[in-house]
C-alpha atoms as a PDB file:
ATOM      1  CA  MET A   1      29.082 174.285 -51.937  1.00  0.00           C
ATOM      2  CA  ILE A   2      27.824 176.996 -54.257  1.00  0.00           C
ATOM      3  CA  LEU A   3      30.271 179.666 -55.389  1.00  0.00           C
ATOM      4  CA  PHE A   4      28.323 182.799 -56.330  1.00  0.00           C
ATOM      5  CA  PRO A   5      29.999 185.323 -58.674  1.00  0.00           C
ATOM      6  CA  ALA A   6      28.809 188.778 -57.643  1.00  0.00           C
ATOM      7  CA  ILE A   7      27.383 191.360 -60.032  1.00  0.00           C
ATOM      8  CA  ASP A   8      27.078 194.632 -58.116  1.00  0.00           C
ATOM      9  CA  ILE A   9      25.293 197.302 -60.169  1.00  0.00           C
ATOM     10  CA  LYS A  10      25.733 201.041 -59.662  1.00  0.00           C
ATOM     11  CA  ASP A  11      24.715 203.673 -62.200  1.00  0.00           C
ATOM     12  CA  GLY A  12      24.103 200.892 -64.704  1.00  0.00           C
ATOM     13  CA  LYS A  13      27.659 199.559 -64.424  1.00  0.00           C
ATOM     14  CA  CYS A  14      29.260 196.501 -62.836  1.00  0.00           C
ATOM     15  CA  VAL A  15      31.328 197.687 -59.868  1.00  0.00           C
ATOM     16  CA  ARG A  16      32.887 196.674 -56.574  1.00  0.00           C
ATOM     17  CA  LEU A  17      32.972 198.764 -53.429  1.00  0.00           C
ATOM     18  CA  ARG A  18      35.451 198.532 -50.592  1.00  0.00           C
ATOM     19  CA  GLN A  19      33.793 197.892 -47.216  1.00  0.00           C
ATOM     20  CA  GLY A  20      30.520 199.044 -48.781  1.00  0.00           C
ATOM     21  CA  LYS A  21      31.721 202.646 -49.063  1.00  0.00           C
ATOM     22  CA  TYR A  22      29.755 204.310 -51.840  1.00  0.00           C
ATOM     23  CA  ASN A  23      32.607 206.647 -52.790  1.00  0.00           C
ATOM     24  CA  ASP A  24      35.239 203.897 -52.926  1.00  0.00           C
ATOM     25  CA  VAL A  25      34.149 202.282 -56.159  1.00  0.00           C
ATOM     26  CA  THR A  26      35.955 200.369 -58.895  1.00  0.00           C
ATOM     27  CA  ILE A  27      34.200 199.946 -62.246  1.00  0.00           C
ATOM     28  CA  PHE A  28      34.869 196.547 -63.802  1.00  0.00           C
ATOM     29  CA  SER A  29      32.437 196.671 -66.714  1.00  0.00           C
ATOM     30  CA  ASP A  30      30.087 199.126 -68.368  1.00  0.00           C
ATOM     31  CA  ASN A  31      27.787 196.213 -69.182  1.00  0.00           C
ATOM     32  CA  PRO A  32      26.586 194.037 -66.277  1.00  0.00           C
ATOM     33  CA  VAL A  33      24.751 191.730 -68.687  1.00  0.00           C
ATOM     34  CA  ASP A  34      27.969 190.915 -70.542  1.00  0.00           C
ATOM     35  CA  MET A  35      29.727 190.400 -67.195  1.00  0.00           C
ATOM     36  CA  ALA A  36      27.042 187.980 -66.063  1.00  0.00           C
ATOM     37  CA  MET A  37      27.389 186.043 -69.322  1.00  0.00           C
ATOM     38  CA  TYR A  38      31.165 185.910 -68.824  1.00  0.00           C
ATOM     39  CA  TRP A  39      30.861 184.221 -65.429  1.00  0.00           C
ATOM     40  CA  TYR A  40      28.171 181.928 -66.796  1.00  0.00           C
ATOM     41  CA  ASP A  41      30.449 180.864 -69.646  1.00  0.00           C
ATOM     42  CA  LEU A  42      33.142 180.023 -67.086  1.00  0.00           C
ATOM     43  CA  GLY A  43      30.788 177.601 -65.399  1.00  0.00           C
ATOM     44  CA  ALA A  44      28.936 179.575 -62.724  1.00  0.00           C
ATOM     45  CA  LYS A  45      25.910 177.638 -61.468  1.00  0.00           C
ATOM     46  CA  PHE A  46      24.254 180.489 -59.528  1.00  0.00           C
ATOM     47  CA  LEU A  47      24.622 184.271 -59.725  1.00  0.00           C
ATOM     48  CA  HIS A  48      24.474 186.868 -56.949  1.00  0.00           C
ATOM     49  CA  ILE A  49      23.277 190.347 -57.986  1.00  0.00           C
ATOM     50  CA  VAL A  50      23.100 193.490 -55.870  1.00  0.00           C
ATOM     51  CA  ASP A  51      21.323 196.676 -56.941  1.00  0.00           C
ATOM     52  CA  LEU A  52      23.579 199.075 -55.039  1.00  0.00           C
ATOM     53  CA  ASP A  53      21.553 202.106 -56.087  1.00  0.00           C
ATOM     54  CA  GLY A  54      18.454 200.327 -54.822  1.00  0.00           C
ATOM     55  CA  ALA A  55      20.116 199.531 -51.505  1.00  0.00           C
ATOM     56  CA  PHE A  56      20.927 203.190 -50.893  1.00  0.00           C
ATOM     57  CA  GLU A  57      17.675 204.647 -52.249  1.00  0.00           C
ATOM     58  CA  GLY A  58      15.286 201.983 -50.977  1.00  0.00           C
ATOM     59  CA  LYS A  59      13.666 201.194 -54.327  1.00  0.00           C
ATOM     60  CA  PRO A  60      14.612 199.377 -57.555  1.00  0.00           C
ATOM     61  CA  LYS A  61      16.975 201.370 -59.762  1.00  0.00           C
ATOM     62  CA  ASN A  62      18.393 198.775 -62.166  1.00  0.00           C
ATOM     63  CA  TYR A  63      15.343 196.589 -62.733  1.00  0.00           C
ATOM     64  CA  PHE A  64      15.610 196.280 -66.509  1.00  0.00           C
ATOM     65  CA  ILE A  65      19.293 195.325 -66.397  1.00  0.00           C
ATOM     66  CA  ILE A  66      18.482 192.605 -63.867  1.00  0.00           C
ATOM     67  CA  GLU A  67      15.538 191.405 -65.952  1.00  0.00           C
ATOM     68  CA  ASN A  68      17.798 191.209 -69.011  1.00  0.00           C
ATOM     69  CA  ILE A  69      20.373 189.140 -67.111  1.00  0.00           C
ATOM     70  CA  CYS A  70      17.682 186.697 -65.995  1.00  0.00           C
ATOM     71  CA  LYS A  71      16.391 186.351 -69.563  1.00  0.00           C
ATOM     72  CA  LYS A  72      19.842 185.572 -70.957  1.00  0.00           C
ATOM     73  CA  LEU A  73      20.953 183.085 -68.296  1.00  0.00           C
ATOM     74  CA  ASP A  74      19.535 179.645 -67.645  1.00  0.00           C
ATOM     75  CA  ILE A  75      20.986 179.447 -64.139  1.00  0.00           C
ATOM     76  CA  PRO A  76      19.317 180.724 -60.962  1.00  0.00           C
ATOM     77  CA  VAL A  77      19.845 184.304 -59.816  1.00  0.00           C
ATOM     78  CA  GLN A  78      19.546 185.690 -56.307  1.00  0.00           C
ATOM     79  CA  LEU A  79      19.110 189.420 -55.814  1.00  0.00           C
ATOM     80  CA  GLY A  80      19.463 191.954 -53.040  1.00  0.00           C
ATOM     81  CA  GLY A  81      19.268 195.731 -52.781  1.00  0.00           C
ATOM     82  CA  GLY A  82      16.249 197.965 -52.225  1.00  0.00           C
ATOM     83  CA  ILE A  83      13.616 195.270 -51.716  1.00  0.00           C
ATOM     84  CA  ARG A  84      11.447 196.836 -49.031  1.00  0.00           C
ATOM     85  CA  ASP A  85       7.902 195.842 -49.985  1.00  0.00           C
ATOM     86  CA  ILE A  86       6.023 192.883 -51.402  1.00  0.00           C
ATOM     87  CA  GLU A  87       5.362 194.606 -54.742  1.00  0.00           C
ATOM     88  CA  THR A  88       9.082 195.002 -55.392  1.00  0.00           C
ATOM     89  CA  ALA A  89       9.744 191.376 -54.491  1.00  0.00           C
ATOM     90  CA  ARG A  90       6.931 190.200 -56.777  1.00  0.00           C
ATOM     91  CA  GLY A  91       8.258 192.372 -59.602  1.00  0.00           C
ATOM     92  CA  TYR A  92      11.675 190.761 -59.375  1.00  0.00           C
ATOM     93  CA  PHE A  93      10.230 187.255 -59.304  1.00  0.00           C
ATOM     94  CA  ASP A  94       8.215 188.154 -62.400  1.00  0.00           C
ATOM     95  CA  ALA A  95      11.491 189.307 -63.997  1.00  0.00           C
ATOM     96  CA  GLY A  96      12.983 185.853 -63.495  1.00  0.00           C
ATOM     97  CA  VAL A  97      14.866 186.202 -60.200  1.00  0.00           C
ATOM     98  CA  THR A  98      14.971 182.882 -58.316  1.00  0.00           C
ATOM     99  CA  ARG A  99      15.174 184.258 -54.796  1.00  0.00           C
ATOM    100  CA  VAL A 100      15.545 187.622 -53.085  1.00  0.00           C
ATOM    101  CA  ILE A 101      17.675 188.842 -50.202  1.00  0.00           C
ATOM    102  CA  ILE A 102      16.344 191.428 -47.768  1.00  0.00           C
ATOM    103  CA  GLY A 103      18.251 193.235 -45.029  1.00  0.00           C
ATOM    104  CA  THR A 104      16.856 196.619 -44.032  1.00  0.00           C
ATOM    105  CA  LEU A 105      13.185 195.607 -44.027  1.00  0.00           C
ATOM    106  CA  PHE A 106      13.902 192.628 -41.776  1.00  0.00           C
ATOM    107  CA  LEU A 107      15.538 194.934 -39.237  1.00  0.00           C
ATOM    108  CA  GLU A 108      13.079 197.828 -39.479  1.00  0.00           C
ATOM    109  CA  ASP A 109       9.647 196.394 -40.318  1.00  0.00           C
ATOM    110  CA  ARG A 110       9.353 192.770 -39.241  1.00  0.00           C
ATOM    111  CA  ASP A 111       5.651 192.421 -40.029  1.00  0.00           C
ATOM    112  CA  ARG A 112       6.124 193.367 -43.679  1.00  0.00           C
ATOM    113  CA  PHE A 113       9.120 191.062 -43.915  1.00  0.00           C
ATOM    114  CA  VAL A 114       7.117 188.145 -42.539  1.00  0.00           C
ATOM    115  CA  HIS A 115       4.362 188.885 -45.067  1.00  0.00           C
ATOM    116  CA  ILE A 116       6.845 188.640 -47.948  1.00  0.00           C
ATOM    117  CA  CYS A 117       8.194 185.337 -46.595  1.00  0.00           C
ATOM    118  CA  GLN A 118       4.663 183.961 -46.340  1.00  0.00           C
ATOM    119  CA  GLU A 119       3.890 185.037 -49.895  1.00  0.00           C
ATOM    120  CA  PHE A 120       7.073 183.504 -51.302  1.00  0.00           C
ATOM    121  CA  PRO A 121       8.021 180.585 -49.039  1.00  0.00           C
ATOM    122  CA  SER A 122      11.689 179.487 -49.102  1.00  0.00           C
ATOM    123  CA  LYS A 123      12.505 182.192 -51.677  1.00  0.00           C
ATOM    124  CA  VAL A 124      13.406 184.991 -49.257  1.00  0.00           C
ATOM    125  CA  GLY A 125      16.727 185.284 -47.471  1.00  0.00           C
ATOM    126  CA  VAL A 126      17.990 187.739 -44.874  1.00  0.00           C
ATOM    127  CA  SER A 127      21.129 189.765 -45.450  1.00  0.00           C
ATOM    128  CA  LEU A 128      23.011 190.170 -42.185  1.00  0.00           C
ATOM    129  CA  ASP A 129      25.775 192.708 -42.728  1.00  0.00           C
ATOM    130  CA  ALA A 130      27.979 193.225 -39.713  1.00  0.00           C
ATOM    131  CA  GLU A 131      31.030 195.194 -38.699  1.00  0.00           C
ATOM    132  CA  ASN A 132      32.759 193.870 -35.583  1.00  0.00           C
ATOM    133  CA  GLY A 133      29.683 191.740 -34.969  1.00  0.00           C
ATOM    134  CA  ILE A 134      27.235 194.686 -35.050  1.00  0.00           C
ATOM    135  CA  LEU A 135      24.620 194.842 -37.809  1.00  0.00           C
ATOM    136  CA  LYS A 136      24.235 197.724 -40.240  1.00  0.00           C
ATOM    137  CA  SER A 137      21.321 198.579 -42.519  1.00  0.00           C
ATOM    138  CA  ARG A 138      20.285 200.870 -45.388  1.00  0.00           C
ATOM    139  CA  GLY A 139      23.224 200.055 -47.612  1.00  0.00           C
ATOM    140  CA  TRP A 140      25.535 199.694 -44.591  1.00  0.00           C
ATOM    141  CA  VAL A 141      25.292 203.360 -43.621  1.00  0.00           C
ATOM    142  CA  ARG A 142      23.054 203.016 -40.547  1.00  0.00           C
ATOM    143  CA  ASP A 143      24.254 201.436 -37.304  1.00  0.00           C
ATOM    144  CA  THR A 144      21.664 199.254 -35.592  1.00  0.00           C
ATOM    145  CA  ASN A 145      23.521 198.487 -32.353  1.00  0.00           C
ATOM    146  CA  ILE A 146      22.232 194.918 -32.736  1.00  0.00           C
ATOM    147  CA  GLU A 147      24.663 192.067 -32.183  1.00  0.00           C
ATOM    148  CA  ILE A 148      24.360 189.536 -34.991  1.00  0.00           C
ATOM    149  CA  THR A 149      24.061 186.325 -32.979  1.00  0.00           C
ATOM    150  CA  SER A 150      21.286 187.812 -30.837  1.00  0.00           C
ATOM    151  CA  ILE A 151      19.000 188.209 -33.830  1.00  0.00           C
ATOM    152  CA  LEU A 152      19.584 184.837 -35.505  1.00  0.00           C
ATOM    153  CA  PRO A 153      16.602 183.110 -33.804  1.00  0.00           C
ATOM    154  CA  ASP A 154      14.325 185.854 -35.173  1.00  0.00           C
ATOM    155  CA  VAL A 155      15.546 185.206 -38.722  1.00  0.00           C
ATOM    156  CA  LYS A 156      14.227 181.655 -38.703  1.00  0.00           C
ATOM    157  CA  SER A 157      11.014 182.413 -36.837  1.00  0.00           C
ATOM    158  CA  SER A 158      10.210 185.156 -39.345  1.00  0.00           C
ATOM    159  CA  GLY A 159      10.116 182.610 -42.156  1.00  0.00           C
ATOM    160  CA  ALA A 160      13.387 183.320 -43.951  1.00  0.00           C
ATOM    161  CA  GLY A 161      14.787 180.474 -46.026  1.00  0.00           C
ATOM    162  CA  PHE A 162      18.483 181.317 -45.799  1.00  0.00           C
ATOM    163  CA  ILE A 163      21.029 183.856 -44.562  1.00  0.00           C
ATOM    164  CA  VAL A 164      23.675 185.871 -46.395  1.00  0.00           C
ATOM    165  CA  TYR A 165      26.291 186.925 -43.842  1.00  0.00           C
ATOM    166  CA  THR A 166      28.719 189.671 -44.841  1.00  0.00           C
ATOM    167  CA  ASP A 167      31.730 190.751 -42.817  1.00  0.00           C
ATOM    168  CA  ILE A 168      31.740 194.431 -43.847  1.00  0.00           C
ATOM    169  CA  SER A 169      35.289 195.105 -42.660  1.00  0.00           C
ATOM    170  CA  ARG A 170      36.589 192.513 -45.125  1.00  0.00           C
ATOM    171  CA  ASP A 171      34.229 193.077 -48.029  1.00  0.00           C
ATOM    172  CA  GLY A 172      36.105 194.047 -51.173  1.00  0.00           C
ATOM    173  CA  MET A 173      39.400 194.140 -49.276  1.00  0.00           C
ATOM    174  CA  GLN A 174      40.774 190.700 -50.242  1.00  0.00           C
ATOM    175  CA  THR A 175      42.199 190.273 -46.757  1.00  0.00           C
ATOM    176  CA  GLY A 176      40.989 186.719 -46.296  1.00  0.00           C
ATOM    177  CA  LEU A 177      38.018 185.353 -44.427  1.00  0.00           C
ATOM    178  CA  ASN A 178      37.027 185.792 -40.808  1.00  0.00           C
ATOM    179  CA  LEU A 179      36.371 182.098 -40.345  1.00  0.00           C
ATOM    180  CA  GLU A 180      35.591 182.386 -36.655  1.00  0.00           C
ATOM    181  CA  SER A 181      32.777 184.872 -37.232  1.00  0.00           C
ATOM    182  CA  ILE A 182      31.328 182.648 -39.969  1.00  0.00           C
ATOM    183  CA  LYS A 183      31.462 179.656 -37.630  1.00  0.00           C
ATOM    184  CA  GLY A 184      29.748 181.749 -34.962  1.00  0.00           C
ATOM    185  CA  VAL A 185      26.813 182.400 -37.273  1.00  0.00           C
ATOM    186  CA  LEU A 186      26.632 178.761 -38.383  1.00  0.00           C
ATOM    187  CA  LYS A 187      26.608 177.501 -34.805  1.00  0.00           C
ATOM    188  CA  ASN A 188      23.704 179.765 -33.878  1.00  0.00           C
ATOM    189  CA  THR A 189      21.291 178.967 -36.714  1.00  0.00           C
ATOM    190  CA  SER A 190      19.965 175.919 -38.516  1.00  0.00           C
ATOM    191  CA  LEU A 191      19.295 177.914 -41.690  1.00  0.00           C
ATOM    192  CA  PRO A 192      21.624 177.604 -44.706  1.00  0.00           C
ATOM    193  CA  VAL A 193      24.269 180.346 -44.617  1.00  0.00           C
ATOM    194  CA  ILE A 194      26.108 182.030 -47.492  1.00  0.00           C
ATOM    195  CA  ALA A 195      29.346 183.776 -46.541  1.00  0.00           C
ATOM    196  CA  ALA A 196      30.504 187.036 -48.127  1.00  0.00           C
ATOM    197  CA  GLY A 197      33.395 189.400 -47.559  1.00  0.00           C
ATOM    198  CA  GLY A 198      37.074 188.609 -47.713  1.00  0.00           C
ATOM    199  CA  VAL A 199      37.396 185.780 -50.243  1.00  0.00           C
ATOM    200  CA  LYS A 200      40.815 186.226 -51.843  1.00  0.00           C
ATOM    201  CA  ASP A 201      42.093 182.986 -53.363  1.00  0.00           C
ATOM    202  CA  MET A 202      41.866 179.202 -53.443  1.00  0.00           C
ATOM    203  CA  LYS A 203      43.097 178.952 -49.864  1.00  0.00           C
ATOM    204  CA  ASP A 204      39.908 180.691 -48.752  1.00  0.00           C
ATOM    205  CA  ILE A 205      37.728 178.355 -50.805  1.00  0.00           C
ATOM    206  CA  MET A 206      39.520 175.346 -49.311  1.00  0.00           C
ATOM    207  CA  ALA A 207      39.132 176.780 -45.811  1.00  0.00           C
ATOM    208  CA  LEU A 208      35.418 177.385 -46.323  1.00  0.00           C
ATOM    209  CA  TYR A 209      34.534 174.015 -47.770  1.00  0.00           C
ATOM    210  CA  PRO A 210      34.656 172.030 -44.481  1.00  0.00           C
ATOM    211  CA  LEU A 211      32.069 174.441 -43.058  1.00  0.00           C
ATOM    212  CA  THR A 212      29.465 172.900 -45.356  1.00  0.00           C
ATOM    213  CA  LYS A 213      29.117 170.262 -42.641  1.00  0.00           C
ATOM    214  CA  LEU A 214      27.965 173.036 -40.301  1.00  0.00           C
ATOM    215  CA  GLY A 215      25.368 174.398 -42.730  1.00  0.00           C
ATOM    216  CA  LEU A 216      27.370 176.613 -45.067  1.00  0.00           C
ATOM    217  CA  GLN A 217      25.545 176.683 -48.402  1.00  0.00           C
ATOM    218  CA  GLY A 218      28.132 178.681 -50.299  1.00  0.00           C
ATOM    219  CA  ALA A 219      30.242 181.799 -50.653  1.00  0.00           C
ATOM    220  CA  ILE A 220      30.002 184.996 -52.670  1.00  0.00           C
ATOM    221  CA  THR A 221      33.074 186.180 -54.532  1.00  0.00           C
ATOM    222  CA  GLY A 222      33.519 189.565 -56.150  1.00  0.00           C
ATOM    223  CA  ARG A 223      36.769 191.490 -56.305  1.00  0.00           C
ATOM    224  CA  ALA A 224      38.875 188.312 -56.175  1.00  0.00           C
ATOM    225  CA  ILE A 225      37.516 186.975 -59.475  1.00  0.00           C
ATOM    226  CA  TYR A 226      37.495 190.417 -61.084  1.00  0.00           C
ATOM    227  CA  GLU A 227      41.117 191.113 -60.230  1.00  0.00           C
ATOM    228  CA  GLY A 228      42.272 187.545 -60.810  1.00  0.00           C
ATOM    229  CA  THR A 229      43.501 186.471 -57.382  1.00  0.00           C
ATOM    230  CA  LEU A 230      40.861 183.724 -57.598  1.00  0.00           C
ATOM    231  CA  ASP A 231      40.306 181.797 -60.815  1.00  0.00           C
ATOM    232  CA  LEU A 232      36.570 181.072 -60.920  1.00  0.00           C
ATOM    233  CA  LYS A 233      36.902 178.108 -63.257  1.00  0.00           C
ATOM    234  CA  GLU A 234      39.608 176.541 -61.081  1.00  0.00           C
ATOM    235  CA  ALA A 235      37.580 177.114 -57.918  1.00  0.00           C
ATOM    236  CA  LEU A 236      34.436 175.590 -59.407  1.00  0.00           C
ATOM    237  CA  SER A 237      36.417 172.599 -60.637  1.00  0.00           C
ATOM    238  CA  TRP A 238      37.987 172.061 -57.218  1.00  0.00           C
ATOM    239  CA  ILE A 239      34.594 172.234 -55.468  1.00  0.00           C
ATOM    240  CA  SER A 240      33.170 169.762 -57.989  1.00  0.00           C
ATOM    241  CA  SER A 241      36.054 167.366 -57.353  1.00  0.00           C
ATOM    242  CA  GLN A 242      35.265 167.367 -53.630  1.00  0.00           C
ATOM    243  CA  GLU A 243      31.638 166.506 -54.256  1.00  0.00           C
ATOM    244  CA  ASP A 244      32.038 163.766 -56.887  1.00  0.00           C
END
């Protein structure tokens, strides 16, 4: 199981939002590159980056920061936020990003999404961000009225290589995981799934780990490691001990 430290970038700073609300922001570092190096030094094997400005504006806003992170780290990086055309995806791959995560384009322009997947096979994932089981798009501000499990077959047929599933109501809240909703996604797709939203402490990591047998690839952690309710080094060590 991969544990992904999250680097969410807004206005050039490393932040966390609560439930994706743009005005409910906590700044954890003025330097996202230094923050990425910090998690790397603690043993992170994969990094999850979100260009929050890009997600809201629909185009890259923190490209050079992300490029700098990729240059300094020798671990893979996955990136989401504002990737809505093939040129943007190609630009990020050229910058050193390992794989990209796309949400809005998948929901709003399937043909262009499929084209990106065909151009970069296995390197494109779909971000499914849901509140009470209903998907949202455009930085979580637009309701789609689409129930998440109903669209899962389309994710695979479109050529996506993996899914990032976020429970919006729990994201940044440290209220614990909605394990049943995660299981619901896993049971309705054969694609690898990464869970996000709600990770608080080691109990959540231990509860998630058995779901790897159902296709869980990993989990994203943000506020928990920034505020110290989850010790990243301890969590990585525990996961490693299960897999030895």
